[in-house]
Structure formats: C-alpha cells, structure tokens
C-alpha cells in the first residue's frame, strides 16, 4: 500500500467517511483549478481528483495539476478516462477497470497500455473497480458500458464483490457527471454489505441531503465534481464537505 492510499485508509478508519473533490481539466483552466483546490482544502476535502469523461490535451492536464499542486498540501490523484489522462506531476492514479463495459479495451486494454507509463512516471497506482449506474451519462457513453439499472442493486453488488475478489482496493459506484440523481441509497446499502473494501460513491450529489443519504447507507468516500463548477458562492460544497466530516458523530442505517 502506497503513501496516498495509506493516507486515505487511515482517515476512513480513524474518523469515518471522507470527501474527495473532482476537477475536470476540460472545464477548468489551470488558474481556476488551483483556486478551487485551495478553497476546498480549507473546507476539509481530503484529496483532489483530476480527470473527466472527455479527452483533454496532456499539456492542459499537466498545467492544471501543477497549479493545484502549488496551491494545496493534500494529495492529487489522477482519475483518467484514457492514457491521455496520465500526468507525471500527480501524486497517485486511480488504476481502474470499468467492470461493466462491454468493450475489453476499458476493462484491461487501456490498463495494459497505461501501466508502463505509470511505472515510468513513478506514480502510485491505487486499484479501483469502476461501476457505472444509470443511463445517459457521458462516462457510460465514452466507456461503452452496460449501465446498471438504478432499480437493480443486486447486479451492482455482484460486480462490486467481483472487484474485491479480483484484488481491487476500492469500488466506485458512478452515477455519471451531471447526473440528475445520485446512486440510490438501497443500492449503496446492498453493495456495502458485500464489501470489506472502501466504497466510493459519486455523481448527482448536489446537496447536503444527498451526501448524507449516501454515507448513512454505506459510502466511505463521497465525490463531488459538477456542483463545484456551478456553485459560485461555494456554500453548497462547503455544507456537503461539513456533512461528510461531521458524520462520525452519527450512526449508519
């Protein structure tokens, strides 16, 4: 287990659920990315993820990461959609497999192409089973996925269990960037009951209530992205992070 992964696990095990910020380098210029990261570090986000569902140039990605690194002291973790999403300037990378893609390129193909680059850059690789839920997201389209129906939590749970048995260290339930609704609480509950590894939940979390519902039912990590770009005052995301950080005082369902 590398330094960044150990950092995440230690916080989860000692204080409870954590919040991660997702910054899309396609939608955020380097200067703004650094400013956002600095503000959210102050609010209490645990780490900054950088990536998105669409292609971005490597120089743009590098510039965004460098500006973030110069602005914060928390880790920067790559969330790549392809090998073009790998930057030597990050601290770590979610080395992930899109488990419910129908194209093996997104299950093991890109991973094989990217592995030598990750090694060359000396990036810490954190293994992740990535599962897309619900129709219509950019992530599902780009990853050629068979999205799991929102009313079929058992299907999500068996994919998540498979990820654990394959040796992956985290499972990510993704509703998709800009999703109208977050992952259903019933699905989070069923998936978490099957797992001994941390569960990440993201997509469609735009309110404190949605974040609280996810962590009450089993999420160890909450990821917010789109709301960061739209919340001009910063109050919504501030409340979401506070909700996650304060959850240790409450009990899960």
Protein backbone atom coordinates (compact mmCIF):
# COMPACT_ATOMS: atom_id res chain seq x y z
CA UNK A 1 0.00 0.00 0.00
CA UNK A 2 1.43 3.33 -1.10
CA UNK A 3 1.60 6.62 0.79
CA UNK A 4 -1.55 8.19 -0.69
CA UNK A 5 -3.66 5.06 -0.30
CA UNK A 6 -2.50 4.67 3.28
CA UNK A 7 -3.40 8.31 3.91
CA UNK A 8 -6.96 7.73 2.64
CA UNK A 9 -7.41 4.47 4.53
CA UNK A 10 -6.09 5.91 7.78
CA UNK A 11 -8.59 8.76 7.72
CA UNK A 12 -11.50 6.46 6.83
CA UNK A 13 -10.57 4.05 9.63
CA UNK A 14 -9.99 6.71 12.27
CA UNK A 15 -12.52 9.46 11.60
CA UNK A 16 -15.04 7.97 9.16
CA UNK A 17 -16.20 8.89 5.63
CA UNK A 18 -14.19 11.33 3.56
CA UNK A 19 -14.85 13.79 0.73
CA UNK A 20 -12.87 13.95 -2.50
CA UNK A 21 -13.06 16.82 -4.97
CA UNK A 22 -13.14 16.03 -8.70
CA UNK A 23 -11.82 18.74 -11.02
CA UNK A 24 -12.35 18.29 -14.76
CA UNK A 25 -9.37 19.77 -16.66
CA UNK A 26 -11.59 20.09 -19.74
CA UNK A 27 -13.89 22.55 -17.95
CA UNK A 28 -11.48 24.30 -15.58
CA UNK A 29 -8.44 26.37 -16.54
CA UNK A 30 -5.22 25.94 -14.52
CA UNK A 31 -5.54 29.15 -12.51
CA UNK A 32 -9.15 28.47 -11.56
CA UNK A 33 -8.32 24.85 -10.69
CA UNK A 34 -5.67 25.97 -8.22
CA UNK A 35 -8.05 28.46 -6.64
CA UNK A 36 -10.85 25.87 -6.30
CA UNK A 37 -8.50 23.30 -4.79
CA UNK A 38 -7.15 25.78 -2.25
CA UNK A 39 -10.65 26.76 -1.13
CA UNK A 40 -11.86 23.18 -0.83
CA UNK A 41 -8.75 22.14 1.09
CA UNK A 42 -9.69 24.85 3.57
CA UNK A 43 -13.24 23.44 3.75
CA UNK A 44 -11.85 19.99 4.54
CA UNK A 45 -11.76 17.92 1.35
CA UNK A 46 -9.31 15.03 1.78
CA UNK A 47 -7.74 14.96 -1.69
CA UNK A 48 -8.15 16.37 -5.20
CA UNK A 49 -9.03 14.10 -8.11
CA UNK A 50 -8.28 15.36 -11.62
CA UNK A 51 -9.95 13.87 -14.67
CA UNK A 52 -13.08 13.70 -16.76
CA UNK A 53 -15.01 11.69 -19.31
CA UNK A 54 -13.81 13.58 -22.37
CA UNK A 55 -10.36 13.97 -23.88
CA UNK A 56 -8.10 16.80 -22.76
CA UNK A 57 -4.63 17.66 -24.01
CA UNK A 58 -1.72 16.44 -21.90
CA UNK A 59 -0.19 19.97 -21.63
CA UNK A 60 -3.53 21.25 -20.31
CA UNK A 61 -3.73 18.38 -17.83
CA UNK A 62 -0.16 18.98 -16.65
CA UNK A 63 -0.81 22.70 -16.20
CA UNK A 64 -3.97 22.08 -14.17
CA UNK A 65 -2.20 19.59 -11.90
CA UNK A 66 0.83 21.83 -11.40
CA UNK A 67 -1.37 24.75 -10.39
CA UNK A 68 -3.25 22.56 -7.95
CA UNK A 69 -0.03 21.15 -6.51
CA UNK A 70 1.28 24.67 -5.99
CA UNK A 71 -1.92 25.62 -4.15
CA UNK A 72 -2.55 22.73 -1.73
CA UNK A 73 -0.82 20.29 0.58
CA UNK A 74 -3.28 17.40 0.11
CA UNK A 75 -2.70 14.65 -2.50
CA UNK A 76 -3.63 14.98 -6.17
CA UNK A 77 -5.00 11.75 -7.64
CA UNK A 78 -5.50 11.18 -11.36
CA UNK A 79 -8.94 9.96 -12.47
CA UNK A 80 -8.14 9.09 -16.11
CA UNK A 81 -10.53 8.21 -18.91
CA UNK A 82 -7.69 7.09 -21.19
CA UNK A 83 -3.88 7.05 -21.35
CA UNK A 84 -4.05 10.77 -22.19
CA UNK A 85 -5.29 11.26 -18.63
CA UNK A 86 -1.92 10.30 -17.13
CA UNK A 87 0.37 13.05 -15.86
CA UNK A 88 3.78 12.72 -14.25
CA UNK A 89 3.02 15.58 -11.87
CA UNK A 90 0.27 13.88 -9.83
CA UNK A 91 0.84 12.02 -6.57
CA UNK A 92 -1.17 8.93 -7.48
CA UNK A 93 -3.55 7.47 -10.05
CA UNK A 94 -6.77 5.52 -9.71
CA UNK A 95 -5.69 2.46 -11.70
CA UNK A 96 -9.20 1.48 -12.59
CA UNK A 97 -11.13 -1.03 -14.62
CA UNK A 98 -14.62 -0.22 -15.96
CA UNK A 99 -16.10 -3.53 -14.93
CA UNK A 100 -19.44 -3.24 -16.72
CA UNK A 101 -18.10 -2.10 -20.08
CA UNK A 102 -18.88 -4.42 -23.00
CA UNK A 103 -15.54 -3.47 -24.57
CA UNK A 104 -12.49 -5.19 -23.06
CA UNK A 105 -10.45 -2.13 -24.05
CA UNK A 106 -11.91 -0.37 -20.99
CA UNK A 107 -11.54 -3.39 -18.71
CA UNK A 108 -7.92 -4.39 -19.36
CA UNK A 109 -6.79 -2.84 -22.66
CA UNK A 110 -6.13 0.75 -21.63
CA UNK A 111 -4.68 -0.53 -18.38
CA UNK A 112 -2.06 -2.57 -20.26
CA UNK A 113 -1.14 0.46 -22.39
CA UNK A 114 -1.01 2.78 -19.40
CA UNK A 115 0.88 0.54 -16.98
CA UNK A 116 4.36 1.24 -18.43
CA UNK A 117 3.67 4.99 -18.34
CA UNK A 118 2.56 4.82 -14.70
CA UNK A 119 5.75 2.92 -13.87
CA UNK A 120 7.95 5.33 -15.84
CA UNK A 121 6.44 8.35 -14.04
CA UNK A 122 6.71 6.66 -10.64
CA UNK A 123 3.04 7.24 -9.90
CA UNK A 124 1.40 5.43 -7.03
CA UNK A 125 -1.26 3.14 -8.55
CA UNK A 126 -4.40 2.59 -6.45
CA UNK A 127 -6.53 -0.24 -7.86
CA UNK A 128 -10.20 0.58 -8.36
CA UNK A 129 -13.24 -1.29 -9.62
CA UNK A 130 -15.35 1.26 -11.51
CA UNK A 131 -19.07 0.58 -11.98
CA UNK A 132 -21.43 2.88 -13.91
CA UNK A 133 -25.07 3.10 -12.83
CA UNK A 134 -27.95 4.57 -14.83
CA UNK A 135 -28.39 5.52 -18.46
CA UNK A 136 -27.35 8.64 -20.32
CA UNK A 137 -24.07 9.67 -18.71
CA UNK A 138 -21.01 10.76 -20.66
CA UNK A 139 -18.93 8.22 -18.74
CA UNK A 140 -21.20 5.39 -19.89
CA UNK A 141 -21.10 6.55 -23.50
CA UNK A 142 -17.35 7.05 -23.61
CA UNK A 143 -16.65 3.81 -21.74
CA UNK A 144 -19.08 1.78 -23.85
CA UNK A 145 -20.70 0.49 -20.68
CA UNK A 146 -23.83 -1.51 -19.97
CA UNK A 147 -25.04 0.82 -17.20
CA UNK A 148 -26.59 -0.99 -14.26
CA UNK A 149 -30.30 -0.07 -13.91
CA UNK A 150 -30.93 2.07 -10.87
CA UNK A 151 -33.59 -0.38 -9.63
CA UNK A 152 -31.24 -3.41 -9.79
CA UNK A 153 -29.00 -3.08 -6.73
CA UNK A 154 -28.19 -6.80 -6.68
CA UNK A 155 -26.40 -6.51 -10.02
CA UNK A 156 -24.25 -3.69 -8.67
CA UNK A 157 -23.46 -5.73 -5.57
CA UNK A 158 -22.16 -8.73 -7.52
CA UNK A 159 -19.95 -6.51 -9.69
CA UNK A 160 -18.58 -4.89 -6.54
CA UNK A 161 -17.92 -8.26 -4.92
CA UNK A 162 -16.13 -9.40 -8.07
CA UNK A 163 -13.90 -6.32 -7.83
CA UNK A 164 -12.97 -7.26 -4.28
CA UNK A 165 -12.21 -10.85 -5.22
CA UNK A 166 -10.09 -9.65 -8.13
CA UNK A 167 -7.92 -7.87 -5.56
CA UNK A 168 -9.03 -4.29 -6.17
CA UNK A 169 -8.66 -1.97 -3.20
CA UNK A 170 -11.66 0.34 -3.77
CA UNK A 171 -15.04 0.16 -5.52
CA UNK A 172 -16.56 3.22 -7.16
CA UNK A 173 -20.30 3.45 -7.89
CA UNK A 174 -20.66 6.20 -10.52
CA UNK A 175 -23.95 7.83 -11.46
CA UNK A 176 -22.13 9.93 -14.06
CA UNK A 177 -21.03 13.53 -14.33
CA UNK A 178 -24.05 15.83 -14.31
CA UNK A 179 -26.43 13.00 -13.40
CA UNK A 180 -29.88 14.20 -12.38
CA UNK A 181 -29.97 11.76 -9.46
CA UNK A 182 -27.33 10.20 -7.19
CA UNK A 183 -26.84 6.48 -6.65
CA UNK A 184 -29.99 5.10 -4.95
CA UNK A 185 -29.49 4.54 -1.20
CA UNK A 186 -30.82 0.99 -1.49
CA UNK A 187 -28.05 0.19 -3.97
CA UNK A 188 -25.38 1.70 -1.72
CA UNK A 189 -26.65 -0.39 1.19
CA UNK A 190 -26.62 -3.67 -0.73
CA UNK A 191 -23.20 -3.07 -2.25
CA UNK A 192 -21.63 -2.11 1.07
CA UNK A 193 -22.99 -5.22 2.81
CA UNK A 194 -20.99 -7.36 0.40
CA UNK A 195 -17.71 -5.45 0.71
CA UNK A 196 -14.72 -5.39 3.03
CA UNK A 197 -13.01 -2.66 0.98
CA UNK A 198 -13.91 1.06 0.87
CA UNK A 199 -16.88 2.14 -1.23
CA UNK A 200 -16.75 5.37 -3.25
CA UNK A 201 -19.99 6.99 -4.41
CA UNK A 202 -20.16 9.83 -6.92
CA UNK A 203 -22.36 11.50 -9.50
CA UNK A 204 -25.50 13.53 -8.90
CA UNK A 205 -24.57 14.60 -5.36
CA UNK A 206 -25.59 18.25 -5.33
CA UNK A 207 -26.97 18.70 -1.83
CA UNK A 208 -26.05 18.03 1.78
CA UNK A 209 -29.05 15.70 1.98
CA UNK A 210 -27.83 13.58 -0.94
CA UNK A 211 -24.35 13.29 0.60
CA UNK A 212 -25.80 12.33 3.97
CA UNK A 213 -28.04 9.67 2.39
CA UNK A 214 -25.01 8.09 0.69
CA UNK A 215 -22.84 7.95 3.81
CA UNK A 216 -25.70 6.80 6.04
CA UNK A 217 -26.17 3.79 3.79
CA UNK A 218 -22.52 2.84 3.50
CA UNK A 219 -20.38 5.16 1.37
CA UNK A 220 -16.85 5.56 2.72
CA UNK A 221 -15.96 8.23 0.17
CA UNK A 222 -18.14 10.92 -1.42
CA UNK A 223 -17.01 12.52 -4.69
CA UNK A 224 -18.42 15.79 -5.99
CA UNK A 225 -17.49 17.40 -9.27
CA UNK A 226 -20.14 19.18 -11.33
CA UNK A 227 -21.56 21.09 -8.38
CA UNK A 228 -18.14 22.65 -7.82
CA UNK A 229 -18.30 24.28 -11.25
CA UNK A 230 -21.84 25.59 -10.70
CA UNK A 231 -21.71 26.64 -7.04
CA UNK A 232 -20.47 30.20 -7.41
CA UNK A 233 -20.85 31.09 -3.73
CA UNK A 234 -19.17 27.91 -2.53
CA UNK A 235 -21.76 27.45 0.21
CA UNK A 236 -23.28 24.25 -1.20
CA UNK A 237 -20.00 22.37 -1.45
CA UNK A 238 -18.90 23.76 1.93
CA UNK A 239 -22.04 22.27 3.50
CA UNK A 240 -21.56 18.95 1.71
CA UNK A 241 -17.99 18.61 2.99
CA UNK A 242 -19.06 19.61 6.50
CA UNK A 243 -21.79 16.97 6.39
CA UNK A 244 -19.29 14.26 5.44
CA UNK A 245 -16.72 15.34 8.04
CA UNK A 246 -19.29 15.52 10.83
CA UNK A 247 -20.85 12.15 10.07
CA UNK A 248 -18.59 10.33 12.53
CA UNK A 249 -20.89 11.67 15.24
CA UNK A 250 -23.88 9.86 13.73
CA UNK A 251 -24.83 6.24 13.08
CA UNK A 252 -25.34 4.48 9.77
CA UNK A 253 -28.63 2.84 8.92
